[in-house]
C-alpha atoms as a PDB file:
ATOM      1  CA  GLN A   1     139.618 130.817 116.185  1.00  0.00           C
ATOM      2  CA  ARG A   2     140.404 127.085 116.638  1.00  0.00           C
ATOM      3  CA  VAL A   3     136.857 126.146 115.503  1.00  0.00           C
ATOM      4  CA  GLN A   4     137.315 128.329 112.415  1.00  0.00           C
ATOM      5  CA  GLN A   5     140.667 126.643 111.611  1.00  0.00           C
ATOM      6  CA  GLN A   6     139.142 123.171 112.051  1.00  0.00           C
ATOM      7  CA  SER A   7     136.270 124.169 109.786  1.00  0.00           C
ATOM      8  CA  GLN A   8     138.665 125.393 107.105  1.00  0.00           C
ATOM      9  CA  ALA A   9     140.752 122.226 107.467  1.00  0.00           C
ATOM     10  CA  GLY A  10     137.592 120.164 107.041  1.00  0.00           C
ATOM     11  CA  VAL A  11     136.761 121.973 103.797  1.00  0.00           C
ATOM     12  CA  LYS A  12     140.297 121.401 102.462  1.00  0.00           C
ATOM     13  CA  ALA A  13     140.094 117.714 103.369  1.00  0.00           C
ATOM     14  CA  LYS A  14     137.063 117.174 101.119  1.00  0.00           C
ATOM     15  CA  HIS A  15     137.559 115.253  97.887  1.00  0.00           C
ATOM     16  CA  THR A  16     135.103 116.240  95.165  1.00  0.00           C
ATOM     17  CA  CYS A  17     133.906 114.124  92.243  1.00  0.00           C
ATOM     18  CA  ASP A  18     134.656 115.987  89.010  1.00  0.00           C
ATOM     19  CA  GLN A  19     131.642 114.379  87.287  1.00  0.00           C
ATOM     20  CA  CYS A  20     128.762 115.025  89.675  1.00  0.00           C
ATOM     21  CA  GLY A  21     130.214 117.360  92.318  1.00  0.00           C
ATOM     22  CA  LYS A  22     129.581 115.051  95.275  1.00  0.00           C
ATOM     23  CA  ALA A  23     132.168 115.594  98.041  1.00  0.00           C
ATOM     24  CA  PHE A  24     133.841 113.068 100.343  1.00  0.00           C
ATOM     25  CA  THR A  25     136.029 113.410 103.421  1.00  0.00           C
ATOM     26  CA  ARG A  26     138.307 110.539 102.329  1.00  0.00           C
ATOM     27  CA  LYS A  27     140.024 109.864  99.041  1.00  0.00           C
ATOM     28  CA  SER A  28     139.170 106.156  99.292  1.00  0.00           C
ATOM     29  CA  ASN A  29     135.452 106.985  99.471  1.00  0.00           C
ATOM     30  CA  LEU A  30     135.768 109.190  96.388  1.00  0.00           C
ATOM     31  CA  ASN A  31     137.539 106.388  94.507  1.00  0.00           C
ATOM     32  CA  ARG A  32     134.756 103.974  95.438  1.00  0.00           C
ATOM     33  CA  HIS A  33     132.113 106.472  94.331  1.00  0.00           C
ATOM     34  CA  GLN A  34     133.776 107.161  90.962  1.00  0.00           C
ATOM     35  CA  ARG A  35     133.265 103.540  89.952  1.00  0.00           C
ATOM     36  CA  ILE A  36     129.581 104.428  89.541  1.00  0.00           C
ATOM     37  CA  HIS A  37     130.544 106.741  86.669  1.00  0.00           C
ATOM     38  CA  SER A  38     133.296 104.591  85.183  1.00  0.00           C
ATOM     39  CA  GLY A  39     131.462 101.290  85.499  1.00  0.00           C
ATOM     40  CA  GLU A  40     134.620  99.692  86.882  1.00  0.00           C
ATOM     41  CA  LYS A  41     134.016  96.435  88.793  1.00  0.00           C
ATOM     42  CA  PRO A  42     137.377  95.232  90.131  1.00  0.00           C
ATOM     43  CA  PHE A  43     136.010  92.569  92.526  1.00  0.00           C
ATOM     44  CA  SER A  44     135.129  89.281  90.786  1.00  0.00           C
ATOM     45  CA  CYS A  45     133.581  86.154  92.295  1.00  0.00           C
ATOM     46  CA  ASP A  46     135.979  83.222  91.874  1.00  0.00           C
ATOM     47  CA  GLN A  47     133.070  80.779  91.609  1.00  0.00           C
ATOM     48  CA  CYS A  48     130.756  82.362  89.039  1.00  0.00           C
ATOM     49  CA  GLY A  49     132.761  85.295  87.678  1.00  0.00           C
ATOM     50  CA  LYS A  50     130.190  87.940  88.570  1.00  0.00           C
ATOM     51  CA  ALA A  51     131.886  91.305  89.183  1.00  0.00           C
ATOM     52  CA  TYR A  52     131.151  94.111  91.640  1.00  0.00           C
ATOM     53  CA  ALA A  53     132.297  97.668  92.241  1.00  0.00           C
ATOM     54  CA  GLN A  54     132.666  97.240  96.016  1.00  0.00           C
ATOM     55  CA  LYS A  55     134.346  94.571  98.100  1.00  0.00           C
ATOM     56  CA  SER A  56     131.505  94.574 100.650  1.00  0.00           C
ATOM     57  CA  THR A  57     129.018  93.696  97.889  1.00  0.00           C
ATOM     58  CA  ILE A  58     131.011  90.688  96.691  1.00  0.00           C
ATOM     59  CA  THR A  59     131.269  89.484 100.295  1.00  0.00           C
ATOM     60  CA  ILE A  60     127.460  89.441 100.475  1.00  0.00           C
ATOM     61  CA  HIS A  61     127.232  87.774  97.034  1.00  0.00           C
ATOM     62  CA  GLN A  62     129.611  84.962  97.987  1.00  0.00           C
ATOM     63  CA  ARG A  63     127.193  83.887 100.722  1.00  0.00           C
ATOM     64  CA  ILE A  64     124.955  82.575  97.904  1.00  0.00           C
ATOM     65  CA  HIS A  65     127.645  79.977  97.113  1.00  0.00           C
ATOM     66  CA  SER A  66     128.632  79.233 100.708  1.00  0.00           C
ATOM     67  CA  GLY A  67     125.077  79.182 102.039  1.00  0.00           C
ATOM     68  CA  GLU A  68     126.160  81.373 104.944  1.00  0.00           C
ATOM     69  CA  LYS A  69     123.269  83.232 106.608  1.00  0.00           C
ATOM     70  CA  PRO A  70     124.650  85.077 109.632  1.00  0.00           C
ATOM     71  CA  PHE A  71     121.578  87.209 110.395  1.00  0.00           C
ATOM     72  CA  SER A  72     118.813  85.331 112.252  1.00  0.00           C
ATOM     73  CA  CYS A  73     115.342  86.446 113.316  1.00  0.00           C
ATOM     74  CA  ASP A  74     115.014  86.286 117.106  1.00  0.00           C
ATOM     75  CA  GLN A  75     111.290  85.512 116.829  1.00  0.00           C
ATOM     76  CA  CYS A  76     111.089  82.663 114.305  1.00  0.00           C
ATOM     77  CA  GLY A  77     114.730  81.687 113.720  1.00  0.00           C
ATOM     78  CA  LYS A  78     114.687  82.325 109.959  1.00  0.00           C
ATOM     79  CA  ALA A  79     118.164  83.301 108.719  1.00  0.00           C
ATOM     80  CA  TYR A  80     119.347  85.669 105.994  1.00  0.00           C
ATOM     81  CA  ALA A  81     122.555  86.532 104.182  1.00  0.00           C
ATOM     82  CA  GLN A  82     122.012  90.284 104.545  1.00  0.00           C
ATOM     83  CA  LYS A  83     121.020  92.363 107.571  1.00  0.00           C
ATOM     84  CA  SER A  84     118.761  94.565 105.413  1.00  0.00           C
ATOM     85  CA  THR A  85     116.760  91.482 104.342  1.00  0.00           C
ATOM     86  CA  LEU A  86     116.340  90.479 107.997  1.00  0.00           C
ATOM     87  CA  THR A  87     115.096  93.986 108.817  1.00  0.00           C
ATOM     88  CA  ILE A  88     112.436  93.702 106.092  1.00  0.00           C
ATOM     89  CA  HIS A  89     111.448  90.213 107.314  1.00  0.00           C
ATOM     90  CA  GLN A  90     110.999  91.377 110.919  1.00  0.00           C
ATOM     91  CA  ARG A  91     108.202  93.706 109.791  1.00  0.00           C
ATOM     92  CA  ILE A  92     106.083  90.558 109.376  1.00  0.00           C
ATOM     93  CA  HIS A  93     106.213  90.058 113.146  1.00  0.00           C
ATOM     94  CA  SER A  94     105.883  93.731 114.094  1.00  0.00           C
ATOM     95  CA  GLY A  95     103.144  94.471 111.552  1.00  0.00           C
ATOM     96  CA  GLU A  96     105.054  97.603 110.551  1.00  0.00           C
ATOM     97  CA  LYS A  97     104.068  98.885 107.098  1.00  0.00           C
ATOM     98  CA  LEU A  98     106.073 101.992 106.258  1.00  0.00           C
ATOM     99  CA  PHE A  99     105.235 102.315 102.576  1.00  0.00           C
ATOM    100  CA  ILE A 100     101.773 103.780 101.923  1.00  0.00           C
ATOM    101  CA  CYS A 101     100.020 104.194  98.578  1.00  0.00           C
ATOM    102  CA  ASP A 102      98.980 107.833  98.145  1.00  0.00           C
ATOM    103  CA  GLU A 103      96.137 106.758  95.834  1.00  0.00           C
ATOM    104  CA  CYS A 104      94.196 104.366  98.077  1.00  0.00           C
ATOM    105  CA  GLY A 105      96.000 104.370 101.438  1.00  0.00           C
ATOM    106  CA  LYS A 106      97.011 100.700 101.330  1.00  0.00           C
ATOM    107  CA  ALA A 107     100.220 100.083 103.279  1.00  0.00           C
ATOM    108  CA  PHE A 108     103.098  97.693 102.586  1.00  0.00           C
ATOM    109  CA  ALA A 109     106.082  96.372 104.534  1.00  0.00           C
ATOM    110  CA  GLN A 110     108.395  96.588 101.511  1.00  0.00           C
ATOM    111  CA  LYS A 111     108.964  99.398  99.019  1.00  0.00           C
ATOM    112  CA  VAL A 112     109.061  96.955  96.099  1.00  0.00           C
ATOM    113  CA  ASN A 113     105.563  95.727  96.973  1.00  0.00           C
ATOM    114  CA  LEU A 114     104.279  99.308  96.989  1.00  0.00           C
ATOM    115  CA  LYS A 115     105.886  99.936  93.577  1.00  0.00           C
ATOM    116  CA  ASN A 116     104.207  96.824  92.178  1.00  0.00           C
ATOM    117  CA  HIS A 117     100.867  97.833  93.705  1.00  0.00           C
ATOM    118  CA  GLN A 118     101.000 101.347  92.227  1.00  0.00           C
ATOM    119  CA  LEU A 119     100.980  99.852  88.739  1.00  0.00           C
ATOM    120  CA  VAL A 120      97.337  98.910  89.437  1.00  0.00           C
ATOM    121  CA  HIS A 121      96.455 102.621  89.614  1.00  0.00           C
ATOM    122  CA  SER A 122      98.651 103.762  86.739  1.00  0.00           C
ATOM    123  CA  GLY A 123      97.548 100.943  84.446  1.00  0.00           C
ATOM    124  CA  GLU A 124     101.142 100.566  83.276  1.00  0.00           C
ATOM    125  CA  LYS A 125     101.982  97.091  81.920  1.00  0.00           C
ATOM    126  CA  PRO A 126     105.571  97.213  80.628  1.00  0.00           C
ATOM    127  CA  HIS A 127     106.118  93.432  80.339  1.00  0.00           C
ATOM    128  CA  MET A 128     104.837  91.912  77.080  1.00  0.00           C
ATOM    129  CA  CYS A 129     104.493  88.264  76.054  1.00  0.00           C
ATOM    130  CA  ASP A 130     106.378  87.555  72.803  1.00  0.00           C
ATOM    131  CA  GLU A 131     103.917  84.784  71.923  1.00  0.00           C
ATOM    132  CA  CYS A 132     100.534  86.499  72.196  1.00  0.00           C
ATOM    133  CA  GLY A 133     101.260  90.159  72.935  1.00  0.00           C
ATOM    134  CA  LYS A 134      99.520  90.158  76.330  1.00  0.00           C
ATOM    135  CA  THR A 135     101.019  92.707  78.718  1.00  0.00           C
ATOM    136  CA  PHE A 136     101.623  92.524  82.464  1.00  0.00           C
ATOM    137  CA  SER A 137     102.489  94.995  85.206  1.00  0.00           C
ATOM    138  CA  GLN A 138     105.037  92.658  86.794  1.00  0.00           C
ATOM    139  CA  SER A 139     107.774  90.503  85.260  1.00  0.00           C
ATOM    140  CA  GLY A 140     106.852  87.614  87.573  1.00  0.00           C
ATOM    141  CA  ALA A 141     103.315  87.574  86.193  1.00  0.00           C
ATOM    142  CA  LEU A 142     104.707  87.406  82.648  1.00  0.00           C
ATOM    143  CA  SER A 143     106.962  84.473  83.590  1.00  0.00           C
ATOM    144  CA  GLN A 144     103.971  82.603  84.981  1.00  0.00           C
ATOM    145  CA  HIS A 145     101.902  83.423  81.890  1.00  0.00           C
ATOM    146  CA  VAL A 146     104.557  82.054  79.494  1.00  0.00           C
ATOM    147  CA  LEU A 147     104.067  78.605  81.067  1.00  0.00           C
ATOM    148  CA  ILE A 148     100.593  78.523  79.490  1.00  0.00           C
ATOM    149  CA  HIS A 149     102.105  78.656  75.978  1.00  0.00           C
ATOM    150  CA  ARG A 150     104.613  75.964  76.857  1.00  0.00           C
ATOM    151  CA  GLY A 151     101.876  73.702  78.151  1.00  0.00           C
ATOM    152  CA  ILE A 152     103.669  73.139  81.440  1.00  0.00           C
ATOM    153  CA  LYS A 153     101.306  72.043  84.231  1.00  0.00           C
ATOM    154  CA  ALA A 154     103.586  70.893  86.997  1.00  0.00           C
ATOM    155  CA  HIS A 155     101.112  71.240  89.887  1.00  0.00           C
ATOM    156  CA  ARG A 156      98.792  68.228  90.304  1.00  0.00           C
ATOM    157  CA  CYS A 157      95.841  67.757  92.653  1.00  0.00           C
ATOM    158  CA  GLU A 158      96.308  64.567  94.675  1.00  0.00           C
ATOM    159  CA  GLN A 159      92.566  64.106  95.115  1.00  0.00           C
ATOM    160  CA  CYS A 160      91.285  64.299  91.530  1.00  0.00           C
ATOM    161  CA  GLY A 161      94.427  64.364  89.377  1.00  0.00           C
ATOM    162  CA  LYS A 162      93.699  67.745  87.772  1.00  0.00           C
ATOM    163  CA  THR A 163      96.863  69.645  86.830  1.00  0.00           C
ATOM    164  CA  PHE A 164      97.591  73.363  86.904  1.00  0.00           C
ATOM    165  CA  THR A 165     100.190  75.730  85.477  1.00  0.00           C
ATOM    166  CA  HIS A 166     100.426  77.761  88.691  1.00  0.00           C
ATOM    167  CA  ARG A 167     100.651  76.551  92.285  1.00  0.00           C
ATOM    168  CA  SER A 168      98.238  79.294  93.364  1.00  0.00           C
ATOM    169  CA  ASN A 169      95.566  77.821  91.056  1.00  0.00           C
ATOM    170  CA  LEU A 170      96.113  74.380  92.569  1.00  0.00           C
ATOM    171  CA  THR A 171      95.741  75.849  96.066  1.00  0.00           C
ATOM    172  CA  LEU A 172      92.444  77.485  95.075  1.00  0.00           C
ATOM    173  CA  HIS A 173      91.257  74.304  93.387  1.00  0.00           C
ATOM    174  CA  MET A 174      91.930  72.147  96.443  1.00  0.00           C
ATOM    175  CA  GLN A 175      89.528  74.315  98.440  1.00  0.00           C
ATOM    176  CA  THR A 176      86.695  73.043  96.230  1.00  0.00           C
ATOM    177  CA  HIS A 177      87.164  69.573  97.717  1.00  0.00           C
ATOM    178  CA  SER A 178      86.601  70.821 101.265  1.00  0.00           C
ATOM    179  CA  ARG A 179      84.781  74.162 100.959  1.00  0.00           C
ATOM    180  CA  THR A 180      81.143  74.242 102.050  1.00  0.00           C
ATOM    181  CA  GLU A 181      80.854  78.041 102.327  1.00  0.00           C
ATOM    182  CA  LEU A 182      80.556  80.142  99.144  1.00  0.00           C
ATOM    183  CA  TYR A 183      81.441  83.784  98.479  1.00  0.00           C
ATOM    184  CA  HIS A 184      78.254  85.804  98.032  1.00  0.00           C
ATOM    185  CA  CYS A 185      77.743  88.995  95.964  1.00  0.00           C
ATOM    186  CA  ASP A 186      75.620  91.499  97.907  1.00  0.00           C
ATOM    187  CA  HIS A 187      74.535  93.209  94.663  1.00  0.00           C
ATOM    188  CA  CYS A 188      73.057  90.395  92.588  1.00  0.00           C
ATOM    189  CA  GLY A 189      73.163  87.310  94.809  1.00  0.00           C
ATOM    190  CA  LYS A 190      75.629  85.318  92.712  1.00  0.00           C
ATOM    191  CA  ARG A 191      77.795  82.840  94.592  1.00  0.00           C
ATOM    192  CA  TYR A 192      81.396  81.886  93.877  1.00  0.00           C
ATOM    193  CA  LYS A 193      83.762  79.216  95.136  1.00  0.00           C
ATOM    194  CA  HIS A 194      86.750  81.543  95.272  1.00  0.00           C
ATOM    195  CA  LYS A 195      87.184  84.991  96.807  1.00  0.00           C
ATOM    196  CA  GLN A 196      89.253  86.188  93.830  1.00  0.00           C
ATOM    197  CA  THR A 197      86.432  85.279  91.435  1.00  0.00           C
ATOM    198  CA  LEU A 198      84.020  87.369  93.523  1.00  0.00           C
ATOM    199  CA  ILE A 199      86.473  90.297  93.468  1.00  0.00           C
ATOM    200  CA  ILE A 200      86.653  90.131  89.661  1.00  0.00           C
ATOM    201  CA  HIS A 201      82.858  89.855  89.452  1.00  0.00           C
ATOM    202  CA  LEU A 202      82.304  92.903  91.681  1.00  0.00           C
ATOM    203  CA  ARG A 203      84.097  95.078  89.137  1.00  0.00           C
ATOM    204  CA  SER A 204      81.102  94.581  86.826  1.00  0.00           C
ATOM    205  CA  HIS A 205      79.001  96.421  89.431  1.00  0.00           C
ATOM    206  CA  THR A 206      81.507  99.082  90.464  1.00  0.00           C
ATOM    207  CA  GLY A 207      83.480  99.691  87.277  1.00  0.00           C
ATOM    208  CA  HIS A 208      86.718  99.861  89.303  1.00  0.00           C
ATOM    209  CA  GLU A 209      88.993  97.890  91.631  1.00  0.00           C
ATOM    210  CA  VAL A 210      87.412  96.684  94.880  1.00  0.00           C
ATOM    211  CA  CYS A 211      88.877  96.352  98.370  1.00  0.00           C
ATOM    212  CA  PRO A 212      89.092  92.861  99.926  1.00  0.00           C
ATOM    213  CA  CYS A 213      89.678  92.462 103.661  1.00  0.00           C
ATOM    214  CA  ASP A 214      92.947  90.623 104.317  1.00  0.00           C
ATOM    215  CA  GLN A 215      91.639  89.196 107.604  1.00  0.00           C
ATOM    216  CA  CYS A 216      88.349  87.626 106.453  1.00  0.00           C
ATOM    217  CA  ASP A 217      86.379  86.777 103.312  1.00  0.00           C
ATOM    218  CA  LYS A 218      84.527  90.097 102.981  1.00  0.00           C
ATOM    219  CA  VAL A 219      85.008  92.431 100.006  1.00  0.00           C
ATOM    220  CA  PHE A 220      84.067  96.131  99.867  1.00  0.00           C
ATOM    221  CA  ILE A 221      83.389  98.605  97.083  1.00  0.00           C
ATOM    222  CA  THR A 222      85.270 101.520  98.653  1.00  0.00           C
ATOM    223  CA  TYR A 223      88.389 101.834 100.794  1.00  0.00           C
ATOM    224  CA  HIS A 224      86.368 103.805 103.386  1.00  0.00           C
ATOM    225  CA  GLN A 225      83.974 100.859 103.823  1.00  0.00           C
ATOM    226  CA  LEU A 226      86.932  98.505 104.216  1.00  0.00           C
ATOM    227  CA  LYS A 227      88.512 100.720 106.908  1.00  0.00           C
ATOM    228  CA  GLN A 228      85.204 100.852 108.818  1.00  0.00           C
ATOM    229  CA  HIS A 229      84.863  97.074 108.611  1.00  0.00           C
ATOM    230  CA  GLN A 230      88.438  96.428 109.793  1.00  0.00           C
ATOM    231  CA  THR A 231      87.594  97.915 113.182  1.00  0.00           C
ATOM    232  CA  SER A 232      85.567  94.729 113.807  1.00  0.00           C
ATOM    233  CA  HIS A 233      88.842  92.765 113.814  1.00  0.00           C
ATOM    234  CA  SER A 234      90.464  95.172 116.286  1.00  0.00           C
ATOM    235  CA  SER A 235      89.871  95.409 120.035  1.00  0.00           C
ATOM    236  CA  GLU A 236      90.705  99.123 120.008  1.00  0.00           C
ATOM    237  CA  ARG A 237      87.899 101.486 121.149  1.00  0.00           C
ATOM    238  CA  PRO A 238      89.186 105.029 120.583  1.00  0.00           C
ATOM    239  CA  HIS A 239      85.875 106.907 120.962  1.00  0.00           C
ATOM    240  CA  LYS A 240      85.071 107.505 124.648  1.00  0.00           C
ATOM    241  CA  CYS A 241      81.969 109.021 126.277  1.00  0.00           C
ATOM    242  CA  ASP A 242      82.895 111.945 128.567  1.00  0.00           C
ATOM    243  CA  THR A 243      79.873 111.296 130.783  1.00  0.00           C
ATOM    244  CA  CYS A 244      80.057 107.595 131.625  1.00  0.00           C
ATOM    245  CA  GLY A 245      83.466 106.595 130.271  1.00  0.00           C
ATOM    246  CA  LYS A 246      82.128 103.909 127.949  1.00  0.00           C
ATOM    247  CA  SER A 247      84.182 103.557 124.749  1.00  0.00           C
ATOM    248  CA  TYR A 248      83.275 102.577 121.195  1.00  0.00           C
ATOM    249  CA  LYS A 249      85.031 101.420 118.044  1.00  0.00           C
ATOM    250  CA  ARG A 250      83.181 103.896 115.810  1.00  0.00           C
ATOM    251  CA  LYS A 251      82.482 107.603 116.252  1.00  0.00           C
ATOM    252  CA  SER A 252      78.942 107.057 114.943  1.00  0.00           C
ATOM    253  CA  ASP A 253      78.236 104.564 117.766  1.00  0.00           C
ATOM    254  CA  LEU A 254      79.438 107.112 120.339  1.00  0.00           C
ATOM    255  CA  ASN A 255      77.188 109.790 118.800  1.00  0.00           C
ATOM    256  CA  LEU A 256      74.258 107.375 118.929  1.00  0.00           C
ATOM    257  CA  HIS A 257      75.048 106.583 122.559  1.00  0.00           C
ATOM    258  CA  GLN A 258      75.209 110.269 123.499  1.00  0.00           C
ATOM    259  CA  GLN A 259      72.118 111.412 121.613  1.00  0.00           C
ATOM    260  CA  CYS A 260      69.374 108.946 122.375  1.00  0.00           C
ATOM    261  CA  GLY A 261      66.691 111.645 122.923  1.00  0.00           C
ATOM    262  CA  LYS A 262      65.600 110.804 126.469  1.00  0.00           C
ATOM    263  CA  THR A 263      65.434 113.543 129.138  1.00  0.00           C
ATOM    264  CA  PHE A 264      65.919 113.131 132.896  1.00  0.00           C
ATOM    265  CA  SER A 265      65.181 115.263 135.959  1.00  0.00           C
ATOM    266  CA  THR A 266      68.642 114.866 137.511  1.00  0.00           C
ATOM    267  CA  SER A 267      72.154 114.321 136.197  1.00  0.00           C
ATOM    268  CA  SER A 268      72.571 111.202 138.365  1.00  0.00           C
ATOM    269  CA  VAL A 269      69.594 109.505 136.699  1.00  0.00           C
ATOM    270  CA  LEU A 270      70.986 110.486 133.278  1.00  0.00           C
ATOM    271  CA  HIS A 271      74.357 109.029 134.234  1.00  0.00           C
ATOM    272  CA  SER A 272      72.723 105.732 135.315  1.00  0.00           C
ATOM    273  CA  HIS A 273      70.782 105.590 132.051  1.00  0.00           C
ATOM    274  CA  LEU A 274      73.918 106.127 129.963  1.00  0.00           C
ATOM    275  CA  CYS A 275      75.769 103.348 131.760  1.00  0.00           C
ATOM    276  CA  VAL A 276      72.881 100.871 131.410  1.00  0.00           C
ATOM    277  CA  ASP A 277      72.017 101.615 127.784  1.00  0.00           C
ATOM    278  CA  GLY A 278      75.593 102.030 126.613  1.00  0.00           C
ATOM    279  CA  ASP A 279      75.447  98.963 124.370  1.00  0.00           C
ATOM    280  CA  MET A 280      72.328 100.029 122.478  1.00  0.00           C
ATOM    281  CA  GLU A 281      72.445  99.596 118.723  1.00  0.00           C
ATOM    282  CA  THR A 282      69.440 101.881 118.014  1.00  0.00           C
ATOM    283  CA  MET A 283      68.283 105.205 119.488  1.00  0.00           C
ATOM    284  CA  CYS A 284      66.296 105.228 122.728  1.00  0.00           C
ATOM    285  CA  VAL A 285      62.577 105.926 122.258  1.00  0.00           C
END
């Protein structure tokens, strides 16, 4: 009976928003929520005048002016104004990538990066240049593009004096002064100084986006080929032989190991053979 009374009291204590029906246990929480509907922003920054609906949000904002960064990474020491930003940063060290593209399987540490990536599949380019009409999937790309019309080339190569609109282009250019190795197309033999140029070129063979490895210079036509290749960068050997215990990176290598075609009179001789020839790359004959 007491539980029932407490339950009824809990229902009575709820404060419901008359605009969306969302319920709150405290009146103060309801008042805070209703500012979403009213647009009321009672908390103003005394330095820049920017207004916010919640006091906690303005506290975070004011750290921009004060430079306060109370949340530090225990691995590299980098500091942030918000705990949520630190949490995102720490995924760099852990390698955690929670946000996965359901089109190609590529994973990202941040949701915003996944959203930007998905525009590649949808083909959506909502940001248009007012000068030439060219469209872009990301606002940052448009901002960089506009510099071309303005003729701004702020990034200069110290070795040859050539100037560039974008820092990324300068970085690529500087590799030409030191690079001896070229990127090679497996389809037609063409060679390129830059990996990105090879990626663009490969589309002429495939007719679609290609999959570059983020750990080396190799580029693959399909995501499946990329995943197979990435095992070469990993020490993990998940495919284990039940007979001799030897493990392999690929299931196909285990199958090859187990089915070499030789026959033996005793199981002990077979076991010795499997252990000796475990590293074979071709079938036993």
